[in-house]
Amino acid sequence: MRSTKASAAVTRLNARDTEYRYSLGMTASGFFYLLRAARGGAPEKISADLTLEEFVEFANKTGPQKKAKVSKLDVAFEKQLGSAKGAK
């Protein structure tokens, strides 16, 4: 089902942003829109009617973003790349 990808994006958004509760709506023509509700408040529509791909992209950009974990090996590799570029 098409809405599985959209609902997974909303689930990730709800995990990132605990201040609001997000949900998705779907129009009769197959477009998606994002709803946001504060604790105890009524949901409000915060997006236009979007295609599936546009909706997933919008949901991924909404709310706080997770910081990418960087390992010590990644830092050392980046440092090594920087010094190699400077040597040329």
PDB file of N, CA and C in Angstrom:
ATOM      1  N   MET A   1       0.840  -1.181   0.000  1.00  0.00           N
ATOM      2  CA  MET A   1       0.000   0.000   0.000  1.00  0.00           C
ATOM      3  C   MET A   1       0.888   1.248   0.000  1.00  0.00           C
ATOM      4  N   ARG A   2       0.471   2.262  -0.722  1.00  0.00           N
ATOM      5  CA  ARG A   2       1.262   3.485  -0.875  1.00  0.00           C
ATOM      6  C   ARG A   2       1.453   4.220   0.438  1.00  0.00           C
ATOM      7  N   SER A   3       0.472   4.173   1.317  1.00  0.00           N
ATOM      8  CA  SER A   3       0.547   4.973   2.531  1.00  0.00           C
ATOM      9  C   SER A   3       1.534   4.412   3.551  1.00  0.00           C
ATOM     10  N   THR A   4       2.048   3.208   3.349  1.00  0.00           N
ATOM     11  CA  THR A   4       3.014   2.627   4.280  1.00  0.00           C
ATOM     12  C   THR A   4       4.276   3.475   4.350  1.00  0.00           C
ATOM     13  N   LYS A   5       4.777   3.915   3.216  1.00  0.00           N
ATOM     14  CA  LYS A   5       5.974   4.751   3.177  1.00  0.00           C
ATOM     15  C   LYS A   5       5.708   6.094   3.859  1.00  0.00           C
ATOM     16  N   ALA A   6       4.527   6.650   3.637  1.00  0.00           N
ATOM     17  CA  ALA A   6       4.155   7.926   4.252  1.00  0.00           C
ATOM     18  C   ALA A   6       3.995   7.770   5.757  1.00  0.00           C
ATOM     19  N   SER A   7       3.352   6.706   6.201  1.00  0.00           N
ATOM     20  CA  SER A   7       3.155   6.513   7.639  1.00  0.00           C
ATOM     21  C   SER A   7       4.473   6.229   8.344  1.00  0.00           C
ATOM     22  N   ALA A   8       5.413   5.586   7.670  1.00  0.00           N
ATOM     23  CA  ALA A   8       6.738   5.360   8.260  1.00  0.00           C
ATOM     24  C   ALA A   8       7.467   6.695   8.450  1.00  0.00           C
ATOM     25  N   ALA A   9       7.310   7.614   7.508  1.00  0.00           N
ATOM     26  CA  ALA A   9       7.918   8.942   7.639  1.00  0.00           C
ATOM     27  C   ALA A   9       7.319   9.695   8.827  1.00  0.00           C
ATOM     28  N   VAL A  10       6.015   9.572   9.032  1.00  0.00           N
ATOM     29  CA  VAL A  10       5.358  10.226  10.165  1.00  0.00           C
ATOM     30  C   VAL A  10       5.795   9.587  11.482  1.00  0.00           C
ATOM     31  N   THR A  11       5.964   8.288  11.505  1.00  0.00           N
ATOM     32  CA  THR A  11       6.444   7.597  12.702  1.00  0.00           C
ATOM     33  C   THR A  11       7.839   8.083  13.083  1.00  0.00           C
ATOM     34  N   ARG A  12       8.722   8.226  12.098  1.00  0.00           N
ATOM     35  CA  ARG A  12      10.071   8.747  12.370  1.00  0.00           C
ATOM     36  C   ARG A  12       9.997  10.179  12.889  1.00  0.00           C
ATOM     37  N   LEU A  13       9.109  10.982  12.324  1.00  0.00           N
ATOM     38  CA  LEU A  13       8.946  12.363  12.757  1.00  0.00           C
ATOM     39  C   LEU A  13       8.448  12.423  14.196  1.00  0.00           C
ATOM     40  N   ASN A  14       7.494  11.588  14.555  1.00  0.00           N
ATOM     41  CA  ASN A  14       6.993  11.555  15.930  1.00  0.00           C
ATOM     42  C   ASN A  14       8.074  11.129  16.913  1.00  0.00           C
ATOM     43  N   ALA A  15       8.982  10.269  16.485  1.00  0.00           N
ATOM     44  CA  ALA A  15      10.087   9.848  17.360  1.00  0.00           C
ATOM     45  C   ALA A  15      11.087  10.988  17.561  1.00  0.00           C
ATOM     46  N   ARG A  16      11.279  11.823  16.528  1.00  0.00           N
ATOM     47  CA  ARG A  16      12.230  12.939  16.635  1.00  0.00           C
ATOM     48  C   ARG A  16      11.662  14.111  17.413  1.00  0.00           C
ATOM     49  N   ASP A  17      10.384  14.400  17.256  1.00  0.00           N
ATOM     50  CA  ASP A  17       9.773  15.592  17.852  1.00  0.00           C
ATOM     51  C   ASP A  17       8.677  15.160  18.816  1.00  0.00           C
ATOM     52  N   THR A  18       8.981  15.161  20.106  1.00  0.00           N
ATOM     53  CA  THR A  18       8.019  14.727  21.108  1.00  0.00           C
ATOM     54  C   THR A  18       7.129  15.865  21.600  1.00  0.00           C
ATOM     55  N   GLU A  19       7.406  17.095  21.172  1.00  0.00           N
ATOM     56  CA  GLU A  19       6.604  18.246  21.584  1.00  0.00           C
ATOM     57  C   GLU A  19       5.233  18.241  20.915  1.00  0.00           C
ATOM     58  N   TYR A  20       5.158  17.737  19.702  1.00  0.00           N
ATOM     59  CA  TYR A  20       3.914  17.691  18.935  1.00  0.00           C
ATOM     60  C   TYR A  20       3.582  16.252  18.583  1.00  0.00           C
ATOM     61  N   ARG A  21       2.347  16.037  18.191  1.00  0.00           N
ATOM     62  CA  ARG A  21       1.889  14.745  17.684  1.00  0.00           C
ATOM     63  C   ARG A  21       1.541  14.942  16.215  1.00  0.00           C
ATOM     64  N   TYR A  22       2.195  14.213  15.340  1.00  0.00           N
ATOM     65  CA  TYR A  22       1.993  14.343  13.898  1.00  0.00           C
ATOM     66  C   TYR A  22       1.168  13.176  13.380  1.00  0.00           C
ATOM     67  N   SER A  23       0.381  13.452  12.369  1.00  0.00           N
ATOM     68  CA  SER A  23      -0.371  12.407  11.686  1.00  0.00           C
ATOM     69  C   SER A  23      -0.515  12.809  10.222  1.00  0.00           C
ATOM     70  N   LEU A  24      -0.942  11.867   9.413  1.00  0.00           N
ATOM     71  CA  LEU A  24      -1.086  12.167   7.997  1.00  0.00           C
ATOM     72  C   LEU A  24      -2.540  12.070   7.599  1.00  0.00           C
ATOM     73  N   GLY A  25      -2.881  12.842   6.605  1.00  0.00           N
ATOM     74  CA  GLY A  25      -4.204  12.782   6.003  1.00  0.00           C
ATOM     75  C   GLY A  25      -4.038  12.479   4.533  1.00  0.00           C
ATOM     76  N   MET A  26      -5.083  11.938   3.955  1.00  0.00           N
ATOM     77  CA  MET A  26      -5.025  11.594   2.537  1.00  0.00           C
ATOM     78  C   MET A  26      -6.306  12.069   1.875  1.00  0.00           C
ATOM     79  N   THR A  27      -6.143  12.744   0.756  1.00  0.00           N
ATOM     80  CA  THR A  27      -7.305  13.243   0.017  1.00  0.00           C
ATOM     81  C   THR A  27      -7.877  12.130  -0.848  1.00  0.00           C
ATOM     82  N   ALA A  28      -9.060  12.354  -1.359  1.00  0.00           N
ATOM     83  CA  ALA A  28      -9.707  11.371  -2.228  1.00  0.00           C
ATOM     84  C   ALA A  28      -8.931  11.179  -3.531  1.00  0.00           C
ATOM     85  N   SER A  29      -8.176  12.195  -3.940  1.00  0.00           N
ATOM     86  CA  SER A  29      -7.402  12.092  -5.179  1.00  0.00           C
ATOM     87  C   SER A  29      -6.020  11.466  -4.956  1.00  0.00           C
ATOM     88  N   GLY A  30      -5.708  11.038  -3.728  1.00  0.00           N
ATOM     89  CA  GLY A  30      -4.470  10.317  -3.471  1.00  0.00           C
ATOM     90  C   GLY A  30      -3.314  11.173  -3.006  1.00  0.00           C
ATOM     91  N   PHE A  31      -3.558  12.426  -2.671  1.00  0.00           N
ATOM     92  CA  PHE A  31      -2.505  13.283  -2.152  1.00  0.00           C
ATOM     93  C   PHE A  31      -2.452  13.184  -0.635  1.00  0.00           C
ATOM     94  N   PHE A  32      -1.283  13.460  -0.070  1.00  0.00           N
ATOM     95  CA  PHE A  32      -1.080  13.383   1.367  1.00  0.00           C
ATOM     96  C   PHE A  32      -0.875  14.778   1.935  1.00  0.00           C
ATOM     97  N   TYR A  33      -1.234  14.961   3.211  1.00  0.00           N
ATOM     98  CA  TYR A  33      -0.939  16.204   3.920  1.00  0.00           C
ATOM     99  C   TYR A  33      -0.604  15.874   5.351  1.00  0.00           C
ATOM    100  N   LEU A  34       0.185  16.752   5.983  1.00  0.00           N
ATOM    101  CA  LEU A  34       0.678  16.523   7.334  1.00  0.00           C
ATOM    102  C   LEU A  34      -0.122  17.347   8.325  1.00  0.00           C
ATOM    103  N   LEU A  35      -0.506  16.700   9.413  1.00  0.00           N
ATOM    104  CA  LEU A  35      -1.239  17.344  10.496  1.00  0.00           C
ATOM    105  C   LEU A  35      -0.363  17.366  11.738  1.00  0.00           C
ATOM    106  N   ARG A  36      -0.437  18.472  12.496  1.00  0.00           N
ATOM    107  CA  ARG A  36       0.347  18.596  13.732  1.00  0.00           C
ATOM    108  C   ARG A  36      -0.595  19.054  14.841  1.00  0.00           C
ATOM    109  N   ALA A  37      -0.468  18.421  16.001  1.00  0.00           N
ATOM    110  CA  ALA A  37      -1.281  18.801  17.151  1.00  0.00           C
ATOM    111  C   ALA A  37      -0.389  18.931  18.375  1.00  0.00           C
ATOM    112  N   ALA A  38      -0.570  20.032  19.112  1.00  0.00           N
ATOM    113  CA  ALA A  38       0.110  20.183  20.397  1.00  0.00           C
ATOM    114  C   ALA A  38      -0.604  19.275  21.396  1.00  0.00           C
ATOM    115  N   ARG A  39       0.038  18.991  22.502  1.00  0.00           N
ATOM    116  CA  ARG A  39      -0.568  18.134  23.530  1.00  0.00           C
ATOM    117  C   ARG A  39      -1.924  18.710  23.945  1.00  0.00           C
ATOM    118  N   GLY A  40      -2.959  17.933  23.773  1.00  0.00           N
ATOM    119  CA  GLY A  40      -4.293  18.357  24.154  1.00  0.00           C
ATOM    120  C   GLY A  40      -4.954  19.324  23.187  1.00  0.00           C
ATOM    121  N   GLY A  41      -4.310  19.638  22.088  1.00  0.00           N
ATOM    122  CA  GLY A  41      -4.860  20.592  21.120  1.00  0.00           C
ATOM    123  C   GLY A  41      -5.448  19.896  19.908  1.00  0.00           C
ATOM    124  N   ALA A  42      -6.115  20.681  19.112  1.00  0.00           N
ATOM    125  CA  ALA A  42      -6.698  20.162  17.874  1.00  0.00           C
ATOM    126  C   ALA A  42      -5.629  20.111  16.781  1.00  0.00           C
ATOM    127  N   PRO A  43      -5.682  19.114  15.906  1.00  0.00           N
ATOM    128  CA  PRO A  43      -4.710  19.041  14.816  1.00  0.00           C
ATOM    129  C   PRO A  43      -4.905  20.170  13.812  1.00  0.00           C
ATOM    130  N   GLU A  44      -3.770  20.661  13.300  1.00  0.00           N
ATOM    131  CA  GLU A  44      -3.809  21.690  12.265  1.00  0.00           C
ATOM    132  C   GLU A  44      -3.014  21.197  11.054  1.00  0.00           C
ATOM    133  N   LYS A  45      -3.481  21.532   9.886  1.00  0.00           N
ATOM    134  CA  LYS A  45      -2.823  21.127   8.644  1.00  0.00           C
ATOM    135  C   LYS A  45      -1.611  22.031   8.439  1.00  0.00           C
ATOM    136  N   ILE A  46      -0.423  21.425   8.299  1.00  0.00           N
ATOM    137  CA  ILE A  46       0.796  22.234   8.156  1.00  0.00           C
ATOM    138  C   ILE A  46       1.464  22.068   6.798  1.00  0.00           C
ATOM    139  N   SER A  47       0.834  21.344   5.898  1.00  0.00           N
ATOM    140  CA  SER A  47       1.413  21.207   4.558  1.00  0.00           C
ATOM    141  C   SER A  47       0.303  21.308   3.522  1.00  0.00           C
ATOM    142  N   ALA A  48       0.721  21.528   2.314  1.00  0.00           N
ATOM    143  CA  ALA A  48      -0.218  21.494   1.190  1.00  0.00           C
ATOM    144  C   ALA A  48      -0.485  20.038   0.826  1.00  0.00           C
ATOM    145  N   ASP A  49      -1.341  19.805  -0.115  1.00  0.00           N
ATOM    146  CA  ASP A  49      -1.549  18.454  -0.627  1.00  0.00           C
ATOM    147  C   ASP A  49      -0.334  18.078  -1.463  1.00  0.00           C
ATOM    148  N   LEU A  50       0.320  16.969  -1.090  1.00  0.00           N
ATOM    149  CA  LEU A  50       1.587  16.581  -1.701  1.00  0.00           C
ATOM    150  C   LEU A  50       1.508  15.163  -2.253  1.00  0.00           C
ATOM    151  N   THR A  51       2.347  14.896  -3.255  1.00  0.00           N
ATOM    152  CA  THR A  51       2.484  13.521  -3.744  1.00  0.00           C
ATOM    153  C   THR A  51       3.222  12.720  -2.683  1.00  0.00           C
ATOM    154  N   LEU A  52       3.272  11.420  -2.853  1.00  0.00           N
ATOM    155  CA  LEU A  52       3.922  10.555  -1.867  1.00  0.00           C
ATOM    156  C   LEU A  52       5.376  10.953  -1.641  1.00  0.00           C
ATOM    157  N   GLU A  53       6.128  11.134  -2.719  1.00  0.00           N
ATOM    158  CA  GLU A  53       7.545  11.462  -2.597  1.00  0.00           C
ATOM    159  C   GLU A  53       7.739  12.825  -1.945  1.00  0.00           C
ATOM    160  N   GLU A  54       6.919  13.799  -2.337  1.00  0.00           N
ATOM    161  CA  GLU A  54       7.012  15.138  -1.751  1.00  0.00           C
ATOM    162  C   GLU A  54       6.642  15.105  -0.273  1.00  0.00           C
ATOM    163  N   PHE A  55       5.650  14.292   0.085  1.00  0.00           N
ATOM    164  CA  PHE A  55       5.223  14.191   1.476  1.00  0.00           C
ATOM    165  C   PHE A  55       6.329  13.603   2.343  1.00  0.00           C
ATOM    166  N   VAL A  56       6.951  12.532   1.881  1.00  0.00           N
ATOM    167  CA  VAL A  56       8.020  11.895   2.643  1.00  0.00           C
ATOM    168  C   VAL A  56       9.186  12.862   2.822  1.00  0.00           C
ATOM    169  N   GLU A  57       9.541  13.591   1.776  1.00  0.00           N
ATOM    170  CA  GLU A  57      10.617  14.580   1.867  1.00  0.00           C
ATOM    171  C   GLU A  57      10.254  15.685   2.859  1.00  0.00           C
ATOM    172  N   PHE A  58       9.017  16.167   2.807  1.00  0.00           N
ATOM    173  CA  PHE A  58       8.564  17.215   3.722  1.00  0.00           C
ATOM    174  C   PHE A  58       8.590  16.722   5.172  1.00  0.00           C
ATOM    175  N   ALA A  59       8.103  15.505   5.406  1.00  0.00           N
ATOM    176  CA  ALA A  59       8.089  14.945   6.763  1.00  0.00           C
ATOM    177  C   ALA A  59       9.505  14.745   7.286  1.00  0.00           C
ATOM    178  N   ASN A  60      10.419  14.342   6.421  1.00  0.00           N
ATOM    179  CA  ASN A  60      11.805  14.142   6.846  1.00  0.00           C
ATOM    180  C   ASN A  60      12.494  15.455   7.204  1.00  0.00           C
ATOM    181  N   LYS A  61      12.085  16.551   6.587  1.00  0.00           N
ATOM    182  CA  LYS A  61      12.697  17.859   6.858  1.00  0.00           C
ATOM    183  C   LYS A  61      12.039  18.581   8.025  1.00  0.00           C
ATOM    184  N   THR A  62      10.848  18.154   8.426  1.00  0.00           N
ATOM    185  CA  THR A  62      10.097  18.805   9.494  1.00  0.00           C
ATOM    186  C   THR A  62      10.623  18.364  10.856  1.00  0.00           C
ATOM    187  N   GLY A  63      10.610  19.284  11.808  1.00  0.00           N
ATOM    188  CA  GLY A  63      11.000  18.961  13.180  1.00  0.00           C
ATOM    189  C   GLY A  63      12.494  18.897  13.364  1.00  0.00           C
ATOM    190  N   PRO A  64      12.916  18.593  14.582  1.00  0.00           N
ATOM    191  CA  PRO A  64      14.352  18.499  14.853  1.00  0.00           C
ATOM    192  C   PRO A  64      14.973  17.325  14.093  1.00  0.00           C
ATOM    193  N   GLN A  65      16.197  17.521  13.683  1.00  0.00           N
ATOM    194  CA  GLN A  65      16.896  16.488  12.924  1.00  0.00           C
ATOM    195  C   GLN A  65      17.858  15.729  13.834  1.00  0.00           C
ATOM    196  N   LYS A  66      18.012  14.441  13.564  1.00  0.00           N
ATOM    197  CA  LYS A  66      18.969  13.638  14.314  1.00  0.00           C
ATOM    198  C   LYS A  66      20.374  13.968  13.844  1.00  0.00           C
ATOM    199  N   LYS A  67      21.272  14.045  14.793  1.00  0.00           N
ATOM    200  CA  LYS A  67      22.673  14.246  14.432  1.00  0.00           C
ATOM    201  C   LYS A  67      23.270  12.906  14.035  1.00  0.00           C
ATOM    202  N   ALA A  68      24.051  12.935  12.981  1.00  0.00           N
ATOM    203  CA  ALA A  68      24.690  11.710  12.513  1.00  0.00           C
ATOM    204  C   ALA A  68      25.813  11.331  13.468  1.00  0.00           C
ATOM    205  N   LYS A  69      25.849  10.063  13.826  1.00  0.00           N
ATOM    206  CA  LYS A  69      26.920   9.598  14.703  1.00  0.00           C
ATOM    207  C   LYS A  69      28.205   9.487  13.887  1.00  0.00           C
ATOM    208  N   VAL A  70      29.283   9.975  14.470  1.00  0.00           N
ATOM    209  CA  VAL A  70      30.581   9.929  13.806  1.00  0.00           C
ATOM    210  C   VAL A  70      31.525   9.154  14.706  1.00  0.00           C
ATOM    211  N   SER A  71      32.100   8.108  14.178  1.00  0.00           N
ATOM    212  CA  SER A  71      33.017   7.286  14.970  1.00  0.00           C
ATOM    213  C   SER A  71      34.415   7.902  14.980  1.00  0.00           C
ATOM    214  N   LYS A  72      35.230   7.419  15.881  1.00  0.00           N
ATOM    215  CA  LYS A  72      36.619   7.892  15.948  1.00  0.00           C
ATOM    216  C   LYS A  72      37.361   7.563  14.658  1.00  0.00           C
ATOM    217  N   LEU A  73      37.014   6.439  14.054  1.00  0.00           N
ATOM    218  CA  LEU A  73      37.666   6.056  12.804  1.00  0.00           C
ATOM    219  C   LEU A  73      37.297   7.025  11.676  1.00  0.00           C
ATOM    220  N   ASP A  74      36.031   7.467  11.650  1.00  0.00           N
ATOM    221  CA  ASP A  74      35.611   8.441  10.641  1.00  0.00           C
ATOM    222  C   ASP A  74      36.352   9.759  10.812  1.00  0.00           C
ATOM    223  N   VAL A  75      36.516  10.203  12.049  1.00  0.00           N
ATOM    224  CA  VAL A  75      37.232  11.451  12.327  1.00  0.00           C
ATOM    225  C   VAL A  75      38.684  11.329  11.896  1.00  0.00           C
ATOM    226  N   ALA A  76      39.314  10.208  12.214  1.00  0.00           N
ATOM    227  CA  ALA A  76      40.707   9.999  11.824  1.00  0.00           C
ATOM    228  C   ALA A  76      40.852   9.956  10.308  1.00  0.00           C
ATOM    229  N   PHE A  77      39.902   9.332   9.623  1.00  0.00           N
ATOM    230  CA  PHE A  77      39.951   9.250   8.167  1.00  0.00           C
ATOM    231  C   PHE A  77      39.805  10.633   7.544  1.00  0.00           C
ATOM    232  N   GLU A  78      38.862  11.430   8.045  1.00  0.00           N
ATOM    233  CA  GLU A  78      38.687  12.794   7.537  1.00  0.00           C
ATOM    234  C   GLU A  78      39.946  13.625   7.776  1.00  0.00           C
ATOM    235  N   LYS A  79      40.567  13.453   8.920  1.00  0.00           N
ATOM    236  CA  LYS A  79      41.797  14.174   9.232  1.00  0.00           C
ATOM    237  C   LYS A  79      42.913  13.757   8.268  1.00  0.00           C
ATOM    238  N   GLN A  80      42.970  12.473   7.991  1.00  0.00           N
ATOM    239  CA  GLN A  80      43.971  11.949   7.064  1.00  0.00           C
ATOM    240  C   GLN A  80      43.733  12.491   5.648  1.00  0.00           C
ATOM    241  N   LEU A  81      42.483  12.560   5.251  1.00  0.00           N
ATOM    242  CA  LEU A  81      42.159  13.109   3.927  1.00  0.00           C
ATOM    243  C   LEU A  81      42.543  14.585   3.843  1.00  0.00           C
ATOM    244  N   GLY A  82      42.293  15.330   4.918  1.00  0.00           N
ATOM    245  CA  GLY A  82      42.627  16.750   4.944  1.00  0.00           C
ATOM    246  C   GLY A  82      44.120  16.976   4.836  1.00  0.00           C
ATOM    247  N   SER A  83      44.905  16.165   5.538  1.00  0.00           N
ATOM    248  CA  SER A  83      46.357  16.334   5.476  1.00  0.00           C
ATOM    249  C   SER A  83      46.902  15.882   4.134  1.00  0.00           C
ATOM    250  N   ALA A  84      46.252  14.920   3.489  1.00  0.00           N
ATOM    251  CA  ALA A  84      46.702  14.469   2.165  1.00  0.00           C
ATOM    252  C   ALA A  84      46.431  15.534   1.114  1.00  0.00           C
ATOM    253  N   LYS A  85      45.327  16.256   1.253  1.00  0.00           N
ATOM    254  CA  LYS A  85      45.018  17.328   0.304  1.00  0.00           C
ATOM    255  C   LYS A  85      45.975  18.489   0.477  1.00  0.00           C
ATOM    256  N   GLY A  86      46.382  18.749   1.704  1.00  0.00           N
ATOM    257  CA  GLY A  86      47.307  19.841   1.971  1.00  0.00           C
ATOM    258  C   GLY A  86      48.724  19.541   1.491  1.00  0.00           C
ATOM    259  N   ALA A  87      49.088  18.267   1.375  1.00  0.00           N
ATOM    260  CA  ALA A  87      50.437  17.877   0.962  1.00  0.00           C
ATOM    261  C   ALA A  87      50.624  18.042  -0.550  1.00  0.00           C
ATOM    262  N   LYS A  88      49.561  18.072  -1.303  1.00  0.00           N
ATOM    263  CA  LYS A  88      49.670  18.157  -2.769  1.00  0.00           C
ATOM    264  C   LYS A  88      50.002  19.540  -3.219  1.00  0.00           C
TER     265      LYS A  88
END
